[in-house]
Amino acid sequence: MALNPYKSYWSLDPQVTFLNHGSFGACPLPVLATQAKFREQLEKQPLLFFNRQWEVLLDEARACLVTFLSTDAEDLVFLPNATTGVNTVLRSLQFAPGDELLTTDQEYNACRNALDFVAEKSGAKIVVASIPFPITSADQVVEAVLSQVTERTKLVLISHITSQTALIFPVEKLVKVLSSQGIDTLIDGAHAVGMLDLNLPELGATYYAGNCHKWLCAPKGSGFLYVAKEKQELIRPLVISHGANSPRTDKSRFQLEFDWQGTVEPSAFLAVPSAIAFFRDLLPGGWAELREHNHQLVLTGKNLLQSILGSTAVCPDEMIGAMAVIQLPPDTQLDNPRSFLAPLQDNLWYQFNIEVPIIYWPAKPQQLLRITAQIYNSLSDYEYLAESLQKLLI
């Protein structure tokens, strides 16, 4: 069996078949080395770093990220993760009894909890659009969401790529229609950054929260929040600090507040350009070739597993990026849907050293197997998973 030459760039355990890049990502060694240099620079002279170097370095990292996202530097701030970004927006905005906050039944649990929290505090009503699953067309997402819009809809929270079902939602089409009706949109882009070619201004969302540690493969603790210019004065960080009354006029209040929220270790943010450059230079075709490689690999893995398990596709291939789900046989249902890990997931790990999530989907109910594809994966990973599943399920 030919070894994957790209695996050497990661410190992933070679004894583990790692097919769960979607949960926390995995950071390449050269990017970790860049992060370590920034940590060393900080600890060598903390006062020099924070008083004279840090802000310049942060602005340089931001400039690189906004170029990657085709947006403007003044519209983006760094945050630890997308969930923090979603919370920041929801807890900054003011809602009243009778206001409707629209989301879908495939929104990430953490972000749905944040929506529940602000609705309970304000008296606003949560409206949930039910997305068909399995699904045959992205237009079904648009129809399902728009069917729940009323004159009381104030905000729509929607995932760009769903966590549980791995579907790419037609966010650009949805945002265009909602914006024409004066409805703001908050996009949970946790999985989209790096997996998709993003142009945030063209996307048109009012707010976009993203992770850099997943498919961009930056260090853990690196994410961002994009806010449209006309809404920035409404959005305040979860931590109010020195920026709230800073006399500076060279930056917007938006960035002055978000950039300094107390002492934090910023090396994850500062290493984001290294992650972008790593994948840009890894393949001849850069990021475009990487995305297509991962897309084709996950489709191959999906088709193999569907054939072995006797299941059918849950969505069109164009709704898949580098992550896909496969329906498991009905006799592998979760004994306890509220348990953290499914028994099958534990068995795959403890018996075969395979790291892959098993997801409970309550609609039928049923269980889903979610696989991912990153450049360090090979076809043999999915073949080994298929063989192991046969041993456990048949």
Protein backbone atom coordinates (compact mmCIF):
# COMPACT_ATOMS: atom_id res chain seq x y z
CA MET A 1 0.00 0.00 0.00
CA ALA A 2 1.45 3.36 -1.07
CA LEU A 3 1.88 5.83 1.75
CA ASN A 4 0.19 9.21 1.52
CA PRO A 5 3.10 11.67 1.15
CA TYR A 6 1.08 14.50 2.73
CA LYS A 7 0.62 12.76 6.08
CA SER A 8 4.11 13.79 7.14
CA TYR A 9 2.94 17.38 7.43
CA TRP A 10 0.70 16.46 10.36
CA SER A 11 1.40 15.02 13.80
CA LEU A 12 -1.69 12.82 13.64
CA ASP A 13 -1.20 9.38 15.20
CA PRO A 14 -0.23 7.05 12.30
CA GLN A 15 -2.00 4.18 14.05
CA VAL A 16 -5.35 5.99 13.87
CA THR A 17 -7.56 6.21 10.80
CA PHE A 18 -8.68 9.81 11.20
CA LEU A 19 -11.92 10.56 9.36
CA ASN A 20 -13.24 13.30 11.64
CA HIS A 21 -11.47 16.41 10.43
CA GLY A 22 -14.79 18.23 10.67
CA SER A 23 -14.97 18.31 14.46
CA PHE A 24 -11.80 20.19 15.37
CA GLY A 25 -9.61 20.18 12.27
CA ALA A 26 -5.92 19.28 12.44
CA CYS A 27 -3.10 21.79 12.21
CA PRO A 28 -0.06 21.07 9.98
CA LEU A 29 3.38 21.04 11.59
CA PRO A 30 4.70 24.08 9.66
CA VAL A 31 1.75 26.14 10.91
CA LEU A 32 2.30 24.96 14.47
CA ALA A 33 5.93 25.98 14.12
CA THR A 34 4.85 29.49 13.11
CA GLN A 35 2.57 29.65 16.12
CA ALA A 36 5.41 28.54 18.38
CA LYS A 37 7.61 31.37 17.07
CA PHE A 38 4.95 33.92 17.98
CA ARG A 39 4.63 32.39 21.44
CA GLU A 40 8.38 32.60 21.88
CA GLN A 41 8.36 36.21 20.71
CA LEU A 42 5.65 37.04 23.24
CA GLU A 43 7.32 35.35 26.21
CA LYS A 44 10.77 36.74 25.42
CA GLN A 45 9.56 40.27 26.15
CA PRO A 46 5.83 40.45 26.98
CA LEU A 47 5.75 44.24 27.35
CA LEU A 48 7.50 44.79 24.02
CA PHE A 49 5.14 42.33 22.37
CA PHE A 50 1.83 43.65 23.69
CA ASN A 51 2.71 47.34 23.79
CA ARG A 52 4.59 47.69 20.51
CA GLN A 53 4.32 44.59 18.28
CA TRP A 54 1.06 42.80 18.82
CA GLU A 55 -1.36 45.17 17.07
CA VAL A 56 0.77 45.43 13.95
CA LEU A 57 1.01 41.64 13.78
CA LEU A 58 -2.75 41.28 14.29
CA ASP A 59 -3.48 43.76 11.50
CA GLU A 60 -1.11 41.87 9.19
CA ALA A 61 -2.86 38.58 9.96
CA ARG A 62 -6.26 40.20 9.39
CA ALA A 63 -5.12 41.64 6.07
CA CYS A 64 -4.17 38.16 4.89
CA LEU A 65 -7.45 36.61 6.03
CA VAL A 66 -9.65 39.28 4.46
CA THR A 67 -7.81 38.85 1.17
CA PHE A 68 -8.58 35.13 1.38
CA LEU A 69 -12.25 35.98 2.03
CA SER A 70 -12.36 38.81 -0.54
CA THR A 71 -13.59 41.35 1.98
CA ASP A 72 -12.34 44.52 3.72
CA ALA A 73 -10.16 44.59 6.82
CA GLU A 74 -12.44 47.04 8.65
CA ASP A 75 -15.33 44.56 8.49
CA LEU A 76 -13.65 41.65 10.26
CA VAL A 77 -12.47 40.92 13.78
CA PHE A 78 -10.80 37.85 15.24
CA LEU A 79 -12.62 35.66 17.77
CA PRO A 80 -11.79 32.20 19.19
CA ASN A 81 -14.46 30.36 17.15
CA ALA A 82 -17.71 30.63 15.20
CA THR A 83 -19.87 29.87 18.24
CA THR A 84 -18.43 32.93 19.98
CA GLY A 85 -19.24 34.95 16.88
CA VAL A 86 -22.85 33.79 16.80
CA ASN A 87 -23.23 34.52 20.52
CA THR A 88 -21.67 37.95 20.07
CA VAL A 89 -24.20 38.98 17.44
CA LEU A 90 -27.24 37.50 19.17
CA ARG A 91 -26.39 39.04 22.54
CA SER A 92 -25.66 42.43 21.00
CA LEU A 93 -28.96 42.82 19.16
CA GLN A 94 -32.17 43.93 20.84
CA PHE A 95 -35.34 41.91 20.33
CA ALA A 96 -38.86 42.43 21.64
CA PRO A 97 -41.88 40.24 22.35
CA GLY A 98 -43.48 39.31 19.05
CA ASP A 99 -40.22 39.44 17.08
CA GLU A 100 -39.48 36.22 15.23
CA LEU A 101 -36.03 34.64 15.01
CA LEU A 102 -35.94 32.13 12.19
CA THR A 103 -33.60 29.15 12.00
CA THR A 104 -33.71 25.56 10.72
CA ASP A 105 -33.96 22.15 12.33
CA GLN A 106 -30.39 21.50 11.16
CA GLU A 107 -28.73 24.36 13.05
CA TYR A 108 -25.77 23.46 15.25
CA ASN A 109 -26.85 22.76 18.80
CA ALA A 110 -24.55 25.31 20.44
CA CYS A 111 -25.82 28.12 18.20
CA ARG A 112 -29.42 27.02 18.66
CA ASN A 113 -28.86 27.21 22.42
CA ALA A 114 -27.64 30.79 22.03
CA LEU A 115 -30.79 31.60 20.03
CA ASP A 116 -32.95 30.03 22.73
CA PHE A 117 -31.16 32.10 25.36
CA VAL A 118 -31.77 35.48 23.74
CA ALA A 119 -35.35 34.56 22.84
CA GLU A 120 -36.11 33.65 26.44
CA LYS A 121 -34.55 36.90 27.69
CA SER A 122 -36.36 39.12 25.17
CA GLY A 123 -39.66 37.34 24.71
CA ALA A 124 -38.97 36.86 21.00
CA LYS A 125 -40.32 33.77 19.26
CA ILE A 126 -38.14 31.15 17.61
CA VAL A 127 -39.48 29.84 14.31
CA VAL A 128 -37.95 26.64 12.94
CA ALA A 129 -37.97 25.76 9.26
CA SER A 130 -37.98 22.00 8.71
CA ILE A 131 -35.47 21.03 6.01
CA PRO A 132 -36.23 17.79 4.15
CA PHE A 133 -33.72 15.04 4.81
CA PRO A 134 -32.79 13.16 2.72
CA ILE A 135 -32.97 16.03 0.26
CA THR A 136 -33.08 16.09 -3.54
CA SER A 137 -32.38 19.74 -4.32
CA ALA A 138 -30.90 22.82 -2.67
CA ASP A 139 -34.06 24.66 -3.70
CA GLN A 140 -35.90 22.71 -1.00
CA VAL A 141 -33.83 24.57 1.58
CA VAL A 142 -34.80 27.92 0.09
CA GLU A 143 -38.47 26.96 -0.05
CA ALA A 144 -38.49 25.65 3.52
CA VAL A 145 -36.89 28.76 4.98
CA LEU A 146 -38.85 31.31 2.98
CA SER A 147 -42.13 29.57 3.79
CA GLN A 148 -41.58 30.53 7.45
CA VAL A 149 -40.83 34.21 6.84
CA THR A 150 -43.43 36.68 8.10
CA GLU A 151 -43.61 40.43 8.61
CA ARG A 152 -42.35 39.79 12.15
CA THR A 153 -39.13 38.02 11.09
CA LYS A 154 -36.20 40.06 12.41
CA LEU A 155 -33.23 37.75 11.92
CA VAL A 156 -32.43 34.46 10.19
CA LEU A 157 -29.71 32.21 11.66
CA ILE A 158 -28.59 29.51 9.25
CA SER A 159 -25.59 27.26 8.76
CA HIS A 160 -23.56 27.57 5.59
CA ILE A 161 -22.62 23.89 5.95
CA THR A 162 -24.59 21.86 8.46
CA SER A 163 -22.68 19.99 11.12
CA GLN A 164 -24.91 16.92 11.54
CA THR A 165 -25.89 16.33 7.92
CA ALA A 166 -22.89 17.91 6.12
CA LEU A 167 -25.09 19.76 3.62
CA ILE A 168 -23.98 22.92 1.83
CA PHE A 169 -26.96 25.24 2.11
CA PRO A 170 -27.70 27.74 -0.73
CA VAL A 171 -26.86 30.67 1.52
CA GLU A 172 -26.20 33.22 -1.21
CA LYS A 173 -29.61 32.66 -2.77
CA LEU A 174 -31.33 32.81 0.61
CA VAL A 175 -29.51 35.95 1.70
CA LYS A 176 -30.43 37.75 -1.51
CA VAL A 177 -34.15 37.10 -1.05
CA LEU A 178 -34.13 37.86 2.66
CA SER A 179 -32.15 41.07 2.20
CA SER A 180 -34.65 42.24 -0.40
CA GLN A 181 -37.29 41.92 2.32
CA GLY A 182 -35.22 43.87 4.84
CA ILE A 183 -34.36 40.80 6.94
CA ASP A 184 -30.89 40.48 8.44
CA THR A 185 -28.97 37.20 8.23
CA LEU A 186 -26.50 35.60 10.62
CA ILE A 187 -24.53 32.82 8.94
CA ASP A 188 -22.92 30.08 10.98
CA GLY A 189 -19.92 29.43 8.74
CA ALA A 190 -18.07 27.07 11.06
CA HIS A 191 -17.30 24.50 8.33
CA ALA A 192 -17.23 26.74 5.26
CA VAL A 193 -13.92 28.60 5.63
CA GLY A 194 -11.35 26.68 3.63
CA MET A 195 -13.82 24.08 2.38
CA LEU A 196 -15.56 26.57 0.09
CA ASP A 197 -14.25 29.48 -1.96
CA LEU A 198 -15.77 32.37 0.00
CA ASN A 199 -16.41 35.93 -1.12
CA LEU A 200 -18.17 37.52 1.83
CA PRO A 201 -19.32 40.75 0.12
CA GLU A 202 -20.86 38.74 -2.74
CA LEU A 203 -22.50 36.42 -0.24
CA GLY A 204 -24.18 39.48 1.21
CA ALA A 205 -24.85 38.26 4.75
CA THR A 206 -25.27 40.85 7.48
CA TYR A 207 -23.18 38.78 9.89
CA TYR A 208 -20.87 35.85 9.19
CA ALA A 209 -19.10 33.84 11.90
CA GLY A 210 -16.37 31.44 10.83
CA ASN A 211 -13.72 29.07 12.12
CA CYS A 212 -10.13 29.04 10.92
CA HIS A 213 -9.15 25.90 12.85
CA LYS A 214 -11.30 23.45 10.87
CA TRP A 215 -10.82 23.45 7.09
CA LEU A 216 -8.32 26.29 7.03
CA CYS A 217 -6.22 24.17 9.44
CA ALA A 218 -5.05 27.11 11.53
CA PRO A 219 -4.36 26.54 15.24
CA LYS A 220 -7.24 25.95 17.65
CA GLY A 221 -8.73 29.17 18.98
CA SER A 222 -8.75 31.05 15.68
CA GLY A 223 -12.02 32.26 14.23
CA PHE A 224 -13.59 35.50 13.08
CA LEU A 225 -16.71 37.60 12.86
CA TYR A 226 -17.63 39.62 9.79
CA VAL A 227 -20.16 42.42 10.23
CA ALA A 228 -21.56 44.59 7.46
CA LYS A 229 -20.40 48.18 7.86
CA GLU A 230 -23.83 49.62 8.50
CA LYS A 231 -24.39 47.26 11.45
CA GLN A 232 -21.02 47.49 13.19
CA GLU A 233 -22.07 50.09 15.75
CA LEU A 234 -24.70 47.65 17.04
CA ILE A 235 -22.29 44.80 17.75
CA ARG A 236 -20.34 44.76 20.99
CA PRO A 237 -17.93 42.08 22.20
CA LEU A 238 -18.96 39.69 24.95
CA VAL A 239 -16.10 41.15 27.01
CA ILE A 240 -16.15 44.94 27.43
CA SER A 241 -12.63 46.27 27.92
CA HIS A 242 -10.41 49.28 27.18
CA GLY A 243 -11.72 49.82 23.66
CA ALA A 244 -15.08 51.00 24.97
CA ASN A 245 -13.68 54.44 25.89
CA SER A 246 -10.48 54.57 23.89
CA PRO A 247 -9.68 58.09 22.63
CA ARG A 248 -8.13 56.68 19.46
CA THR A 249 -9.58 57.75 16.13
CA ASP A 250 -7.30 55.79 13.78
CA LYS A 251 -9.52 52.71 14.06
CA SER A 252 -13.23 52.14 14.30
CA ARG A 253 -14.84 51.56 17.68
CA PHE A 254 -15.81 48.13 16.31
CA GLN A 255 -12.18 47.03 15.96
CA LEU A 256 -10.90 48.87 19.03
CA GLU A 257 -13.37 46.96 21.19
CA PHE A 258 -12.91 43.55 19.63
CA ASP A 259 -9.15 43.60 19.12
CA TRP A 260 -8.40 43.98 22.82
CA GLN A 261 -10.71 42.15 25.22
CA GLY A 262 -8.15 41.67 27.95
CA THR A 263 -4.92 39.70 27.88
CA VAL A 264 -5.16 36.67 25.62
CA GLU A 265 -2.58 34.51 23.90
CA PRO A 266 -2.98 35.65 20.25
CA SER A 267 -0.62 33.24 18.48
CA ALA A 268 -3.51 31.27 16.93
CA PHE A 269 -4.73 34.41 15.15
CA LEU A 270 -1.23 35.39 14.09
CA ALA A 271 -0.60 31.96 12.53
CA VAL A 272 -3.64 32.14 10.23
CA PRO A 273 -1.57 33.54 7.31
CA SER A 274 0.78 30.57 7.65
CA ALA A 275 -2.15 28.17 7.24
CA ILE A 276 -3.41 30.02 4.18
CA ALA A 277 0.06 29.99 2.62
CA PHE A 278 0.65 26.32 3.48
CA PHE A 279 -2.26 25.09 1.38
CA ARG A 280 -1.73 27.71 -1.29
CA ASP A 281 1.73 26.24 -1.92
CA LEU A 282 1.04 22.56 -1.21
CA LEU A 283 -0.43 21.66 -4.61
CA PRO A 284 0.26 23.19 -8.03
CA GLY A 285 -3.32 24.42 -8.24
CA GLY A 286 -3.30 25.87 -4.75
CA TRP A 287 -6.53 26.09 -2.79
CA ALA A 288 -8.73 25.35 -5.79
CA GLU A 289 -6.97 22.04 -6.43
CA LEU A 290 -7.11 21.15 -2.74
CA ARG A 291 -10.86 21.76 -2.54
CA GLU A 292 -11.52 19.68 -5.64
CA HIS A 293 -9.25 16.88 -4.41
CA ASN A 294 -11.04 16.69 -1.07
CA HIS A 295 -14.46 16.88 -2.72
CA GLN A 296 -13.74 14.00 -5.09
CA LEU A 297 -12.15 11.93 -2.33
CA VAL A 298 -15.13 12.27 0.01
CA LEU A 299 -17.51 11.38 -2.83
CA THR A 300 -15.48 8.25 -3.55
CA GLY A 301 -15.52 7.31 0.12
CA LYS A 302 -19.25 8.01 0.39
CA ASN A 303 -20.09 5.90 -2.64
CA LEU A 304 -17.98 3.01 -1.37
CA LEU A 305 -19.66 3.04 2.04
CA GLN A 306 -23.15 3.38 0.57
CA SER A 307 -22.48 0.33 -1.57
CA ILE A 308 -21.23 -1.71 1.37
CA LEU A 309 -24.08 -0.65 3.66
CA GLY A 310 -26.81 -0.85 1.02
CA SER A 311 -27.88 2.76 1.58
CA THR A 312 -28.83 5.47 -0.89
CA ALA A 313 -27.57 9.03 -1.25
CA VAL A 314 -29.05 11.60 1.15
CA CYS A 315 -28.41 14.59 -1.13
CA PRO A 316 -27.10 15.63 -4.55
CA ASP A 317 -23.32 15.64 -4.89
CA GLU A 318 -23.31 19.40 -5.43
CA MET A 319 -24.52 19.86 -1.84
CA ILE A 320 -21.38 18.11 -0.56
CA GLY A 321 -18.00 19.73 0.03
CA ALA A 322 -15.33 17.70 1.84
CA MET A 323 -17.69 16.12 4.33
CA ALA A 324 -20.55 13.67 3.76
CA VAL A 325 -23.00 11.51 5.69
CA ILE A 326 -24.16 7.96 5.01
CA GLN A 327 -27.32 6.42 6.44
CA LEU A 328 -26.62 3.42 8.65
CA PRO A 329 -28.88 0.35 8.78
CA PRO A 330 -31.90 0.81 11.06
CA ASP A 331 -30.75 -1.87 13.51
CA THR A 332 -27.82 0.34 14.56
CA GLN A 333 -30.04 2.86 16.33
CA LEU A 334 -28.71 4.65 19.38
CA ASP A 335 -29.75 3.11 22.66
CA ASN A 336 -29.63 6.55 24.21
CA PRO A 337 -29.97 9.51 21.80
CA ARG A 338 -28.68 11.86 24.50
CA SER A 339 -25.43 9.98 25.06
CA PHE A 340 -22.29 11.84 24.03
CA LEU A 341 -20.90 9.09 21.81
CA ALA A 342 -22.81 6.35 20.04
CA PRO A 343 -21.86 2.75 20.91
CA LEU A 344 -20.86 2.16 17.29
CA GLN A 345 -18.53 5.15 17.38
CA ASP A 346 -16.86 3.81 20.50
CA ASN A 347 -16.56 0.32 18.99
CA LEU A 348 -14.92 1.67 15.84
CA TRP A 349 -12.44 3.52 18.01
CA TYR A 350 -11.63 0.87 20.60
CA GLN A 351 -11.60 -2.12 18.25
CA PHE A 352 -10.23 -0.64 15.02
CA ASN A 353 -8.59 2.72 15.87
CA ILE A 354 -10.98 4.57 13.59
CA GLU A 355 -12.03 8.09 14.54
CA VAL A 356 -15.32 8.86 12.82
CA PRO A 357 -18.54 10.35 14.23
CA ILE A 358 -21.87 8.55 14.41
CA ILE A 359 -24.70 11.08 14.52
CA TYR A 360 -28.20 10.53 15.82
CA TRP A 361 -30.77 12.05 13.49
CA PRO A 362 -34.18 12.25 15.18
CA ALA A 363 -36.44 12.75 12.17
CA LYS A 364 -36.88 9.03 11.35
CA PRO A 365 -35.07 8.38 13.79
CA GLN A 366 -31.85 7.00 12.38
CA GLN A 367 -28.08 7.10 12.69
CA LEU A 368 -25.71 8.78 10.27
CA LEU A 369 -22.05 8.08 9.64
CA ARG A 370 -20.18 11.32 8.87
CA ILE A 371 -16.90 11.11 6.99
CA THR A 372 -14.45 13.82 6.02
CA ALA A 373 -11.70 14.12 3.43
CA GLN A 374 -8.51 16.10 3.92
CA ILE A 375 -5.32 15.85 1.88
CA TYR A 376 -3.79 13.48 4.46
CA ASN A 377 -6.57 10.92 3.84
CA SER A 378 -6.45 8.13 1.26
CA LEU A 379 -8.94 5.76 -0.32
CA SER A 380 -7.56 3.03 1.93
CA ASP A 381 -8.98 4.89 4.95
CA TYR A 382 -12.53 4.47 3.68
CA GLU A 383 -11.89 0.88 2.62
CA TYR A 384 -10.69 0.05 6.13
CA LEU A 385 -13.74 1.78 7.61
CA ALA A 386 -16.01 -0.24 5.31
CA GLU A 387 -14.33 -3.52 6.31
CA SER A 388 -14.62 -2.63 9.99
CA LEU A 389 -18.28 -1.71 9.68
CA GLN A 390 -19.00 -5.03 8.01
CA LYS A 391 -17.47 -6.83 10.97
CA LEU A 392 -19.51 -4.82 13.48
CA LEU A 393 -22.84 -4.64 11.67
CA ILE A 394 -23.14 -7.92 9.78
